[in-house]
């Protein structure tokens, strides 16, 4: 598992750990990039909620599932995890390295 900061209200996970959570089920995967980035390829089953619209769309984020946020390299998704936690989501995860790490791990994407 990737190192997590005890002060962060979320877990940092590797792409492989994210895939294991997805396979296990009871998870929501949220891509927080912009639509143009999304169109270049995303995790199958992911929902697009750009980080700049997360506050107003927080109702679309499950309260009873593990939430996996990702972006290009992990910065915006870290912010999304902070927002999610501040809005009461207690099971937030950030893919370290984002979609770039996912692709580098040779995990599938869809367009």
PDB file of N, CA and C in Angstrom:
ATOM      1  N   UNK A   1       0.848  -1.181   0.000  1.00  0.00           N
ATOM      2  CA  UNK A   1       0.000   0.000   0.000  1.00  0.00           C
ATOM      3  C   UNK A   1       0.889   1.237   0.000  1.00  0.00           C
ATOM      4  N   UNK A   2       0.440   2.254  -0.659  1.00  0.00           N
ATOM      5  CA  UNK A   2       1.171   3.515  -0.698  1.00  0.00           C
ATOM      6  C   UNK A   2       1.158   4.163   0.674  1.00  0.00           C
ATOM      7  N   UNK A   3       2.199   4.928   0.992  1.00  0.00           N
ATOM      8  CA  UNK A   3       2.215   5.582   2.298  1.00  0.00           C
ATOM      9  C   UNK A   3       1.099   6.612   2.412  1.00  0.00           C
ATOM     10  N   UNK A   4       0.415   6.598   3.545  1.00  0.00           N
ATOM     11  CA  UNK A   4      -0.633   7.576   3.813  1.00  0.00           C
ATOM     12  C   UNK A   4      -0.176   8.471   4.942  1.00  0.00           C
ATOM     13  N   UNK A   5      -0.615   9.684   4.879  1.00  0.00           N
ATOM     14  CA  UNK A   5      -0.324  10.640   5.932  1.00  0.00           C
ATOM     15  C   UNK A   5      -1.416  10.502   6.977  1.00  0.00           C
ATOM     16  N   UNK A   6      -1.057  10.288   8.220  1.00  0.00           N
ATOM     17  CA  UNK A   6      -2.015  10.093   9.302  1.00  0.00           C
ATOM     18  C   UNK A   6      -3.012  11.251   9.382  1.00  0.00           C
ATOM     19  N   UNK A   7      -2.612  12.428   8.901  1.00  0.00           N
ATOM     20  CA  UNK A   7      -3.477  13.598   8.958  1.00  0.00           C
ATOM     21  C   UNK A   7      -4.452  13.673   7.784  1.00  0.00           C
ATOM     22  N   UNK A   8      -4.284  12.826   6.806  1.00  0.00           N
ATOM     23  CA  UNK A   8      -5.176  12.833   5.645  1.00  0.00           C
ATOM     24  C   UNK A   8      -6.421  11.998   5.938  1.00  0.00           C
ATOM     25  N   UNK A   9      -7.584  12.503   5.567  1.00  0.00           N
ATOM     26  CA  UNK A   9      -8.827  11.756   5.826  1.00  0.00           C
ATOM     27  C   UNK A   9      -9.159  10.758   4.719  1.00  0.00           C
ATOM     28  N   UNK A  10      -8.135  10.244   4.057  1.00  0.00           N
ATOM     29  CA  UNK A  10      -8.328   9.285   2.967  1.00  0.00           C
ATOM     30  C   UNK A  10      -7.134   8.366   2.879  1.00  0.00           C
ATOM     31  N   UNK A  11      -7.290   7.295   2.109  1.00  0.00           N
ATOM     32  CA  UNK A  11      -6.203   6.338   1.903  1.00  0.00           C
ATOM     33  C   UNK A  11      -5.606   6.540   0.524  1.00  0.00           C
ATOM     34  N   UNK A  12      -4.299   6.473   0.454  1.00  0.00           N
ATOM     35  CA  UNK A  12      -3.585   6.480  -0.822  1.00  0.00           C
ATOM     36  C   UNK A  12      -3.434   5.023  -1.238  1.00  0.00           C
ATOM     37  N   UNK A  13      -3.827   4.721  -2.477  1.00  0.00           N
ATOM     38  CA  UNK A  13      -3.754   3.340  -2.940  1.00  0.00           C
ATOM     39  C   UNK A  13      -3.059   3.266  -4.300  1.00  0.00           C
ATOM     40  N   UNK A  14      -2.497   2.126  -4.582  1.00  0.00           N
ATOM     41  CA  UNK A  14      -1.863   1.885  -5.878  1.00  0.00           C
ATOM     42  C   UNK A  14      -2.952   1.522  -6.894  1.00  0.00           C
ATOM     43  N   UNK A  15      -2.626   1.579  -8.172  1.00  0.00           N
ATOM     44  CA  UNK A  15      -3.602   1.127  -9.172  1.00  0.00           C
ATOM     45  C   UNK A  15      -4.032  -0.326  -8.940  1.00  0.00           C
ATOM     46  N   UNK A  16      -3.117  -1.174  -8.529  1.00  0.00           N
ATOM     47  CA  UNK A  16      -3.448  -2.574  -8.283  1.00  0.00           C
ATOM     48  C   UNK A  16      -4.410  -2.712  -7.105  1.00  0.00           C
ATOM     49  N   UNK A  17      -4.213  -1.907  -6.066  1.00  0.00           N
ATOM     50  CA  UNK A  17      -5.127  -1.929  -4.924  1.00  0.00           C
ATOM     51  C   UNK A  17      -6.504  -1.401  -5.334  1.00  0.00           C
ATOM     52  N   UNK A  18      -6.512  -0.404  -6.209  1.00  0.00           N
ATOM     53  CA  UNK A  18      -7.783   0.125  -6.716  1.00  0.00           C
ATOM     54  C   UNK A  18      -8.520  -0.960  -7.499  1.00  0.00           C
ATOM     55  N   UNK A  19      -7.811  -1.664  -8.359  1.00  0.00           N
ATOM     56  CA  UNK A  19      -8.426  -2.737  -9.142  1.00  0.00           C
ATOM     57  C   UNK A  19      -9.001  -3.812  -8.221  1.00  0.00           C
ATOM     58  N   UNK A  20      -8.283  -4.140  -7.159  1.00  0.00           N
ATOM     59  CA  UNK A  20      -8.780  -5.142  -6.204  1.00  0.00           C
ATOM     60  C   UNK A  20     -10.073  -4.670  -5.543  1.00  0.00           C
ATOM     61  N   UNK A  21     -10.139  -3.398  -5.174  1.00  0.00           N
ATOM     62  CA  UNK A  21     -11.367  -2.850  -4.582  1.00  0.00           C
ATOM     63  C   UNK A  21     -12.514  -2.880  -5.590  1.00  0.00           C
ATOM     64  N   UNK A  22     -12.213  -2.512  -6.834  1.00  0.00           N
ATOM     65  CA  UNK A  22     -13.233  -2.509  -7.890  1.00  0.00           C
ATOM     66  C   UNK A  22     -13.761  -3.927  -8.103  1.00  0.00           C
ATOM     67  N   UNK A  23     -12.860  -4.882  -8.150  1.00  0.00           N
ATOM     68  CA  UNK A  23     -13.235  -6.280  -8.357  1.00  0.00           C
ATOM     69  C   UNK A  23     -14.081  -6.794  -7.202  1.00  0.00           C
ATOM     70  N   UNK A  24     -13.756  -6.370  -6.007  1.00  0.00           N
ATOM     71  CA  UNK A  24     -14.488  -6.782  -4.801  1.00  0.00           C
ATOM     72  C   UNK A  24     -15.932  -6.274  -4.835  1.00  0.00           C
ATOM     73  N   UNK A  25     -16.134  -5.097  -5.402  1.00  0.00           N
ATOM     74  CA  UNK A  25     -17.474  -4.521  -5.494  1.00  0.00           C
ATOM     75  C   UNK A  25     -17.759  -3.533  -4.381  1.00  0.00           C
ATOM     76  N   UNK A  26     -18.983  -3.008  -4.385  1.00  0.00           N
ATOM     77  CA  UNK A  26     -19.425  -1.988  -3.429  1.00  0.00           C
ATOM     78  C   UNK A  26     -18.490  -0.787  -3.429  1.00  0.00           C
ATOM     79  N   UNK A  27     -18.179  -0.321  -4.634  1.00  0.00           N
ATOM     80  CA  UNK A  27     -17.256   0.794  -4.818  1.00  0.00           C
ATOM     81  C   UNK A  27     -17.803   1.736  -5.893  1.00  0.00           C
ATOM     82  N   UNK A  28     -17.483   3.006  -5.746  1.00  0.00           N
ATOM     83  CA  UNK A  28     -17.797   4.002  -6.766  1.00  0.00           C
ATOM     84  C   UNK A  28     -16.480   4.604  -7.216  1.00  0.00           C
ATOM     85  N   UNK A  29     -16.251   4.615  -8.514  1.00  0.00           N
ATOM     86  CA  UNK A  29     -15.020   5.159  -9.073  1.00  0.00           C
ATOM     87  C   UNK A  29     -15.350   6.497  -9.724  1.00  0.00           C
ATOM     88  N   UNK A  30     -14.637   7.543  -9.311  1.00  0.00           N
ATOM     89  CA  UNK A  30     -14.907   8.884  -9.816  1.00  0.00           C
ATOM     90  C   UNK A  30     -13.649   9.489 -10.410  1.00  0.00           C
ATOM     91  N   UNK A  31     -13.762   9.861 -11.675  1.00  0.00           N
ATOM     92  CA  UNK A  31     -12.705  10.551 -12.414  1.00  0.00           C
ATOM     93  C   UNK A  31     -12.956  12.046 -12.226  1.00  0.00           C
ATOM     94  N   UNK A  32     -11.995  12.755 -11.662  1.00  0.00           N
ATOM     95  CA  UNK A  32     -12.193  14.182 -11.372  1.00  0.00           C
ATOM     96  C   UNK A  32     -11.500  15.085 -12.385  1.00  0.00           C
ATOM     97  N   UNK A  33     -11.097  14.517 -13.530  1.00  0.00           N
ATOM     98  CA  UNK A  33     -10.476  15.319 -14.578  1.00  0.00           C
ATOM     99  C   UNK A  33     -11.544  16.090 -15.359  1.00  0.00           C
ATOM    100  N   UNK A  34     -11.108  16.808 -16.357  1.00  0.00           N
ATOM    101  CA  UNK A  34     -12.009  17.568 -17.224  1.00  0.00           C
ATOM    102  C   UNK A  34     -12.502  16.675 -18.373  1.00  0.00           C
ATOM    103  N   UNK A  35     -13.636  17.022 -18.995  1.00  0.00           N
ATOM    104  CA  UNK A  35     -14.193  16.187 -20.063  1.00  0.00           C
ATOM    105  C   UNK A  35     -13.209  15.853 -21.192  1.00  0.00           C
ATOM    106  N   UNK A  36     -12.373  16.781 -21.587  1.00  0.00           N
ATOM    107  CA  UNK A  36     -11.394  16.503 -22.636  1.00  0.00           C
ATOM    108  C   UNK A  36     -10.393  15.435 -22.227  1.00  0.00           C
ATOM    109  N   UNK A  37     -10.001  15.444 -20.969  1.00  0.00           N
ATOM    110  CA  UNK A  37      -9.089  14.416 -20.447  1.00  0.00           C
ATOM    111  C   UNK A  37      -9.800  13.065 -20.389  1.00  0.00           C
ATOM    112  N   UNK A  38     -11.032  13.086 -19.917  1.00  0.00           N
ATOM    113  CA  UNK A  38     -11.867  11.874 -19.819  1.00  0.00           C
ATOM    114  C   UNK A  38     -11.963  11.185 -21.177  1.00  0.00           C
ATOM    115  N   UNK A  39     -12.134  11.970 -22.221  1.00  0.00           N
ATOM    116  CA  UNK A  39     -12.316  11.432 -23.566  1.00  0.00           C
ATOM    117  C   UNK A  39     -11.090  10.682 -24.077  1.00  0.00           C
ATOM    118  N   UNK A  40      -9.914  10.950 -23.499  1.00  0.00           N
ATOM    119  CA  UNK A  40      -8.696  10.267 -23.940  1.00  0.00           C
ATOM    120  C   UNK A  40      -8.577   8.862 -23.368  1.00  0.00           C
ATOM    121  N   UNK A  41      -9.423   8.531 -22.419  1.00  0.00           N
ATOM    122  CA  UNK A  41      -9.421   7.207 -21.803  1.00  0.00           C
ATOM    123  C   UNK A  41      -9.641   7.302 -20.308  1.00  0.00           C
ATOM    124  N   UNK A  42     -10.470   6.387 -19.789  1.00  0.00           N
ATOM    125  CA  UNK A  42     -10.783   6.387 -18.360  1.00  0.00           C
ATOM    126  C   UNK A  42     -11.008   4.956 -17.882  1.00  0.00           C
ATOM    127  N   UNK A  43     -11.072   4.795 -16.577  1.00  0.00           N
ATOM    128  CA  UNK A  43     -11.317   3.495 -15.974  1.00  0.00           C
ATOM    129  C   UNK A  43     -12.752   3.078 -16.299  1.00  0.00           C
ATOM    130  N   UNK A  44     -12.915   1.853 -16.745  1.00  0.00           N
ATOM    131  CA  UNK A  44     -14.257   1.373 -17.075  1.00  0.00           C
ATOM    132  C   UNK A  44     -15.165   1.449 -15.853  1.00  0.00           C
ATOM    133  N   UNK A  45     -16.360   1.985 -16.054  1.00  0.00           N
ATOM    134  CA  UNK A  45     -17.329   2.105 -14.968  1.00  0.00           C
ATOM    135  C   UNK A  45     -17.194   3.367 -14.147  1.00  0.00           C
ATOM    136  N   UNK A  46     -16.162   4.159 -14.427  1.00  0.00           N
ATOM    137  CA  UNK A  46     -15.966   5.397 -13.677  1.00  0.00           C
ATOM    138  C   UNK A  46     -17.015   6.429 -14.071  1.00  0.00           C
ATOM    139  N   UNK A  47     -17.271   7.326 -13.148  1.00  0.00           N
ATOM    140  CA  UNK A  47     -18.186   8.444 -13.366  1.00  0.00           C
ATOM    141  C   UNK A  47     -17.349   9.715 -13.434  1.00  0.00           C
ATOM    142  N   UNK A  48     -17.660  10.586 -14.367  1.00  0.00           N
ATOM    143  CA  UNK A  48     -16.940  11.857 -14.488  1.00  0.00           C
ATOM    144  C   UNK A  48     -17.615  12.920 -13.631  1.00  0.00           C
ATOM    145  N   UNK A  49     -16.879  13.388 -12.629  1.00  0.00           N
ATOM    146  CA  UNK A  49     -17.291  14.540 -11.824  1.00  0.00           C
ATOM    147  C   UNK A  49     -16.043  15.406 -11.655  1.00  0.00           C
ATOM    148  N   UNK A  50     -15.841  16.391 -12.529  1.00  0.00           N
ATOM    149  CA  UNK A  50     -14.656  17.240 -12.404  1.00  0.00           C
ATOM    150  C   UNK A  50     -14.539  17.832 -10.993  1.00  0.00           C
ATOM    151  N   UNK A  51     -13.321  17.895 -10.502  1.00  0.00           N
ATOM    152  CA  UNK A  51     -13.109  18.342  -9.126  1.00  0.00           C
ATOM    153  C   UNK A  51     -13.719  19.717  -8.861  1.00  0.00           C
ATOM    154  N   UNK A  52     -13.743  20.584  -9.874  1.00  0.00           N
ATOM    155  CA  UNK A  52     -14.292  21.921  -9.652  1.00  0.00           C
ATOM    156  C   UNK A  52     -15.816  21.939  -9.550  1.00  0.00           C
ATOM    157  N   UNK A  53     -16.463  20.795  -9.805  1.00  0.00           N
ATOM    158  CA  UNK A  53     -17.914  20.736  -9.629  1.00  0.00           C
ATOM    159  C   UNK A  53     -18.320  19.746  -8.530  1.00  0.00           C
ATOM    160  N   UNK A  54     -17.345  19.255  -7.786  1.00  0.00           N
ATOM    161  CA  UNK A  54     -17.628  18.228  -6.780  1.00  0.00           C
ATOM    162  C   UNK A  54     -18.530  18.737  -5.661  1.00  0.00           C
ATOM    163  N   UNK A  55     -18.321  19.963  -5.196  1.00  0.00           N
ATOM    164  CA  UNK A  55     -19.170  20.498  -4.128  1.00  0.00           C
ATOM    165  C   UNK A  55     -20.640  20.445  -4.513  1.00  0.00           C
ATOM    166  N   UNK A  56     -20.977  20.966  -5.692  1.00  0.00           N
ATOM    167  CA  UNK A  56     -22.381  21.004  -6.079  1.00  0.00           C
ATOM    168  C   UNK A  56     -22.930  19.647  -6.493  1.00  0.00           C
ATOM    169  N   UNK A  57     -22.051  18.686  -6.758  1.00  0.00           N
ATOM    170  CA  UNK A  57     -22.507  17.357  -7.177  1.00  0.00           C
ATOM    171  C   UNK A  57     -22.267  16.286  -6.110  1.00  0.00           C
ATOM    172  N   UNK A  58     -21.998  16.703  -4.887  1.00  0.00           N
ATOM    173  CA  UNK A  58     -21.660  15.755  -3.824  1.00  0.00           C
ATOM    174  C   UNK A  58     -22.775  14.734  -3.598  1.00  0.00           C
ATOM    175  N   UNK A  59     -24.004  15.083  -3.913  1.00  0.00           N
ATOM    176  CA  UNK A  59     -25.112  14.144  -3.778  1.00  0.00           C
ATOM    177  C   UNK A  59     -24.977  12.924  -4.672  1.00  0.00           C
ATOM    178  N   UNK A  60     -24.136  13.005  -5.692  1.00  0.00           N
ATOM    179  CA  UNK A  60     -23.900  11.877  -6.597  1.00  0.00           C
ATOM    180  C   UNK A  60     -22.834  10.924  -6.055  1.00  0.00           C
ATOM    181  N   UNK A  61     -22.198  11.319  -4.962  1.00  0.00           N
ATOM    182  CA  UNK A  61     -21.136  10.507  -4.370  1.00  0.00           C
ATOM    183  C   UNK A  61     -21.731   9.682  -3.227  1.00  0.00           C
ATOM    184  N   UNK A  62     -21.615   8.373  -3.353  1.00  0.00           N
ATOM    185  CA  UNK A  62     -22.209   7.457  -2.380  1.00  0.00           C
ATOM    186  C   UNK A  62     -21.661   7.679  -0.973  1.00  0.00           C
ATOM    187  N   UNK A  63     -22.526   7.460  -0.007  1.00  0.00           N
ATOM    188  CA  UNK A  63     -22.109   7.541   1.398  1.00  0.00           C
ATOM    189  C   UNK A  63     -21.844   6.162   1.983  1.00  0.00           C
ATOM    190  N   UNK A  64     -22.274   5.112   1.286  1.00  0.00           N
ATOM    191  CA  UNK A  64     -22.204   3.759   1.826  1.00  0.00           C
ATOM    192  C   UNK A  64     -21.294   2.828   1.023  1.00  0.00           C
ATOM    193  N   UNK A  65     -20.368   3.413   0.266  1.00  0.00           N
ATOM    194  CA  UNK A  65     -19.434   2.624  -0.538  1.00  0.00           C
ATOM    195  C   UNK A  65     -18.024   3.165  -0.375  1.00  0.00           C
ATOM    196  N   UNK A  66     -17.060   2.344  -0.771  1.00  0.00           N
ATOM    197  CA  UNK A  66     -15.698   2.858  -0.924  1.00  0.00           C
ATOM    198  C   UNK A  66     -15.716   3.750  -2.156  1.00  0.00           C
ATOM    199  N   UNK A  67     -15.099   4.912  -2.054  1.00  0.00           N
ATOM    200  CA  UNK A  67     -15.027   5.849  -3.167  1.00  0.00           C
ATOM    201  C   UNK A  67     -13.579   5.923  -3.617  1.00  0.00           C
ATOM    202  N   UNK A  68     -13.345   5.662  -4.900  1.00  0.00           N
ATOM    203  CA  UNK A  68     -12.014   5.781  -5.482  1.00  0.00           C
ATOM    204  C   UNK A  68     -12.023   7.003  -6.385  1.00  0.00           C
ATOM    205  N   UNK A  69     -11.216   7.994  -6.042  1.00  0.00           N
ATOM    206  CA  UNK A  69     -11.054   9.175  -6.872  1.00  0.00           C
ATOM    207  C   UNK A  69      -9.737   9.043  -7.636  1.00  0.00           C
ATOM    208  N   UNK A  70      -9.732   9.500  -8.880  1.00  0.00           N
ATOM    209  CA  UNK A  70      -8.470   9.584  -9.604  1.00  0.00           C
ATOM    210  C   UNK A  70      -8.517  10.755 -10.571  1.00  0.00           C
ATOM    211  N   UNK A  71      -7.327  11.216 -10.945  1.00  0.00           N
ATOM    212  CA  UNK A  71      -7.174  12.288 -11.935  1.00  0.00           C
ATOM    213  C   UNK A  71      -6.011  11.885 -12.834  1.00  0.00           C
ATOM    214  N   UNK A  72      -5.270  12.844 -13.330  1.00  0.00           N
ATOM    215  CA  UNK A  72      -4.141  12.520 -14.208  1.00  0.00           C
ATOM    216  C   UNK A  72      -2.984  11.903 -13.426  1.00  0.00           C
ATOM    217  N   UNK A  73      -2.567  12.563 -12.343  1.00  0.00           N
ATOM    218  CA  UNK A  73      -1.404  12.079 -11.595  1.00  0.00           C
ATOM    219  C   UNK A  73      -1.621  11.991 -10.086  1.00  0.00           C
ATOM    220  N   UNK A  74      -2.801  12.329  -9.605  1.00  0.00           N
ATOM    221  CA  UNK A  74      -3.104  12.154  -8.187  1.00  0.00           C
ATOM    222  C   UNK A  74      -3.264  13.406  -7.357  1.00  0.00           C
ATOM    223  N   UNK A  75      -3.035  14.578  -7.935  1.00  0.00           N
ATOM    224  CA  UNK A  75      -3.132  15.823  -7.156  1.00  0.00           C
ATOM    225  C   UNK A  75      -4.589  16.256  -6.995  1.00  0.00           C
ATOM    226  N   UNK A  76      -5.294  16.386  -8.101  1.00  0.00           N
ATOM    227  CA  UNK A  76      -6.706  16.800  -8.033  1.00  0.00           C
ATOM    228  C   UNK A  76      -7.554  15.768  -7.296  1.00  0.00           C
ATOM    229  N   UNK A  77      -7.231  14.507  -7.462  1.00  0.00           N
ATOM    230  CA  UNK A  77      -8.004  13.481  -6.760  1.00  0.00           C
ATOM    231  C   UNK A  77      -7.728  13.508  -5.264  1.00  0.00           C
ATOM    232  N   UNK A  78      -6.536  13.930  -4.860  1.00  0.00           N
ATOM    233  CA  UNK A  78      -6.261  14.135  -3.439  1.00  0.00           C
ATOM    234  C   UNK A  78      -7.165  15.227  -2.881  1.00  0.00           C
ATOM    235  N   UNK A  79      -7.315  16.305  -3.646  1.00  0.00           N
ATOM    236  CA  UNK A  79      -8.219  17.386  -3.255  1.00  0.00           C
ATOM    237  C   UNK A  79      -9.656  16.875  -3.208  1.00  0.00           C
ATOM    238  N   UNK A  80     -10.041  16.059  -4.179  1.00  0.00           N
ATOM    239  CA  UNK A  80     -11.391  15.488  -4.197  1.00  0.00           C
ATOM    240  C   UNK A  80     -11.634  14.630  -2.953  1.00  0.00           C
ATOM    241  N   UNK A  81     -10.629  13.879  -2.533  1.00  0.00           N
ATOM    242  CA  UNK A  81     -10.753  13.085  -1.308  1.00  0.00           C
ATOM    243  C   UNK A  81     -10.977  13.986  -0.100  1.00  0.00           C
ATOM    244  N   UNK A  82     -10.243  15.088  -0.040  1.00  0.00           N
ATOM    245  CA  UNK A  82     -10.407  16.046   1.062  1.00  0.00           C
ATOM    246  C   UNK A  82     -11.825  16.617   1.057  1.00  0.00           C
ATOM    247  N   UNK A  83     -12.321  16.972  -0.125  1.00  0.00           N
ATOM    248  CA  UNK A  83     -13.682  17.513  -0.247  1.00  0.00           C
ATOM    249  C   UNK A  83     -14.697  16.443   0.166  1.00  0.00           C
ATOM    250  N   UNK A  84     -14.521  15.250  -0.361  1.00  0.00           N
ATOM    251  CA  UNK A  84     -15.435  14.164  -0.016  1.00  0.00           C
ATOM    252  C   UNK A  84     -15.485  13.922   1.487  1.00  0.00           C
ATOM    253  N   UNK A  85     -14.329  13.886   2.115  1.00  0.00           N
ATOM    254  CA  UNK A  85     -14.273  13.678   3.566  1.00  0.00           C
ATOM    255  C   UNK A  85     -14.945  14.825   4.312  1.00  0.00           C
ATOM    256  N   UNK A  86     -14.716  16.049   3.858  1.00  0.00           N
ATOM    257  CA  UNK A  86     -15.338  17.215   4.500  1.00  0.00           C
ATOM    258  C   UNK A  86     -16.856  17.183   4.355  1.00  0.00           C
ATOM    259  N   UNK A  87     -17.336  16.499   3.313  1.00  0.00           N
ATOM    260  CA  UNK A  87     -18.774  16.409   3.059  1.00  0.00           C
ATOM    261  C   UNK A  87     -19.352  15.088   3.578  1.00  0.00           C
ATOM    262  N   UNK A  88     -18.618  14.412   4.455  1.00  0.00           N
ATOM    263  CA  UNK A  88     -19.146  13.245   5.149  1.00  0.00           C
ATOM    264  C   UNK A  88     -18.869  11.891   4.535  1.00  0.00           C
ATOM    265  N   UNK A  89     -18.067  11.831   3.480  1.00  0.00           N
ATOM    266  CA  UNK A  89     -17.730  10.537   2.890  1.00  0.00           C
ATOM    267  C   UNK A  89     -16.503  10.010   3.631  1.00  0.00           C
ATOM    268  N   UNK A  90     -16.645   8.871   4.294  1.00  0.00           N
ATOM    269  CA  UNK A  90     -15.599   8.379   5.190  1.00  0.00           C
ATOM    270  C   UNK A  90     -14.711   7.293   4.595  1.00  0.00           C
ATOM    271  N   UNK A  91     -15.028   6.836   3.380  1.00  0.00           N
ATOM    272  CA  UNK A  91     -14.258   5.742   2.772  1.00  0.00           C
ATOM    273  C   UNK A  91     -13.651   6.177   1.447  1.00  0.00           C
ATOM    274  N   UNK A  92     -12.898   7.271   1.479  1.00  0.00           N
ATOM    275  CA  UNK A  92     -12.297   7.839   0.268  1.00  0.00           C
ATOM    276  C   UNK A  92     -10.904   7.281   0.032  1.00  0.00           C
ATOM    277  N   UNK A  93     -10.599   7.034  -1.238  1.00  0.00           N
ATOM    278  CA  UNK A  93      -9.301   6.507  -1.650  1.00  0.00           C
ATOM    279  C   UNK A  93      -8.795   7.318  -2.837  1.00  0.00           C
ATOM    280  N   UNK A  94      -7.506   7.549  -2.877  1.00  0.00           N
ATOM    281  CA  UNK A  94      -6.871   8.288  -3.965  1.00  0.00           C
ATOM    282  C   UNK A  94      -5.877   7.370  -4.674  1.00  0.00           C
ATOM    283  N   UNK A  95      -6.039   7.198  -5.984  1.00  0.00           N
ATOM    284  CA  UNK A  95      -5.066   6.400  -6.735  1.00  0.00           C
ATOM    285  C   UNK A  95      -3.797   7.235  -6.894  1.00  0.00           C
ATOM    286  N   UNK A  96      -2.738   6.790  -6.255  1.00  0.00           N
ATOM    287  CA  UNK A  96      -1.451   7.465  -6.358  1.00  0.00           C
ATOM    288  C   UNK A  96      -0.939   7.373  -7.794  1.00  0.00           C
ATOM    289  N   UNK A  97      -0.616   8.503  -8.368  1.00  0.00           N
ATOM    290  CA  UNK A  97      -0.132   8.532  -9.737  1.00  0.00           C
ATOM    291  C   UNK A  97      -1.241   8.631 -10.769  1.00  0.00           C
ATOM    292  N   UNK A  98      -2.496   8.570 -10.312  1.00  0.00           N
ATOM    293  CA  UNK A  98      -3.646   8.774 -11.176  1.00  0.00           C
ATOM    294  C   UNK A  98      -3.747   7.819 -12.350  1.00  0.00           C
ATOM    295  N   UNK A  99      -4.418   8.278 -13.389  1.00  0.00           N
ATOM    296  CA  UNK A  99      -4.633   7.453 -14.576  1.00  0.00           C
ATOM    297  C   UNK A  99      -3.314   7.123 -15.272  1.00  0.00           C
ATOM    298  N   UNK A 100      -2.315   7.983 -15.103  1.00  0.00           N
ATOM    299  CA  UNK A 100      -1.008   7.698 -15.705  1.00  0.00           C
ATOM    300  C   UNK A 100      -0.382   6.460 -15.071  1.00  0.00           C
ATOM    301  N   UNK A 101      -0.494   6.326 -13.754  1.00  0.00           N
ATOM    302  CA  UNK A 101       0.021   5.131 -13.071  1.00  0.00           C
ATOM    303  C   UNK A 101      -0.820   3.907 -13.437  1.00  0.00           C
ATOM    304  N   UNK A 102      -2.132   4.121 -13.567  1.00  0.00           N
ATOM    305  CA  UNK A 102      -3.039   3.036 -13.978  1.00  0.00           C
ATOM    306  C   UNK A 102      -2.590   2.484 -15.340  1.00  0.00           C
ATOM    307  N   UNK A 103      -2.374   3.390 -16.287  1.00  0.00           N
ATOM    308  CA  UNK A 103      -1.941   2.972 -17.640  1.00  0.00           C
ATOM    309  C   UNK A 103      -0.558   2.343 -17.604  1.00  0.00           C
ATOM    310  N   UNK A 104       0.350   2.922 -16.820  1.00  0.00           N
ATOM    311  CA  UNK A 104       1.705   2.377 -16.719  1.00  0.00           C
ATOM    312  C   UNK A 104       1.707   0.973 -16.146  1.00  0.00           C
ATOM    313  N   UNK A 105       0.676   0.659 -15.355  1.00  0.00           N
ATOM    314  CA  UNK A 105       0.524  -0.684 -14.788  1.00  0.00           C
ATOM    315  C   UNK A 105      -0.161  -1.636 -15.767  1.00  0.00           C
ATOM    316  N   UNK A 106      -0.419  -1.122 -16.971  1.00  0.00           N
ATOM    317  CA  UNK A 106      -1.044  -1.893 -18.051  1.00  0.00           C
ATOM    318  C   UNK A 106      -2.459  -2.346 -17.692  1.00  0.00           C
ATOM    319  N   UNK A 107      -3.161  -1.519 -16.914  1.00  0.00           N
ATOM    320  CA  UNK A 107      -4.548  -1.792 -16.584  1.00  0.00           C
ATOM    321  C   UNK A 107      -5.428  -1.153 -17.672  1.00  0.00           C
ATOM    322  N   UNK A 108      -6.578  -1.747 -17.945  1.00  0.00           N
ATOM    323  CA  UNK A 108      -7.382  -1.303 -19.089  1.00  0.00           C
ATOM    324  C   UNK A 108      -8.092   0.035 -18.868  1.00  0.00           C
ATOM    325  N   UNK A 109      -8.268   0.739 -19.965  1.00  0.00           N
ATOM    326  CA  UNK A 109      -9.077   1.961 -19.981  1.00  0.00           C
ATOM    327  C   UNK A 109     -10.056   1.843 -21.141  1.00  0.00           C
ATOM    328  N   UNK A 110     -11.081   2.661 -21.099  1.00  0.00           N
ATOM    329  CA  UNK A 110     -12.064   2.716 -22.179  1.00  0.00           C
ATOM    330  C   UNK A 110     -12.199   4.165 -22.622  1.00  0.00           C
ATOM    331  N   UNK A 111     -12.691   4.361 -23.850  1.00  0.00           N
ATOM    332  CA  UNK A 111     -12.922   5.713 -24.365  1.00  0.00           C
ATOM    333  C   UNK A 111     -14.393   5.930 -24.602  1.00  0.00           C
TER     334      UNK A 111
END
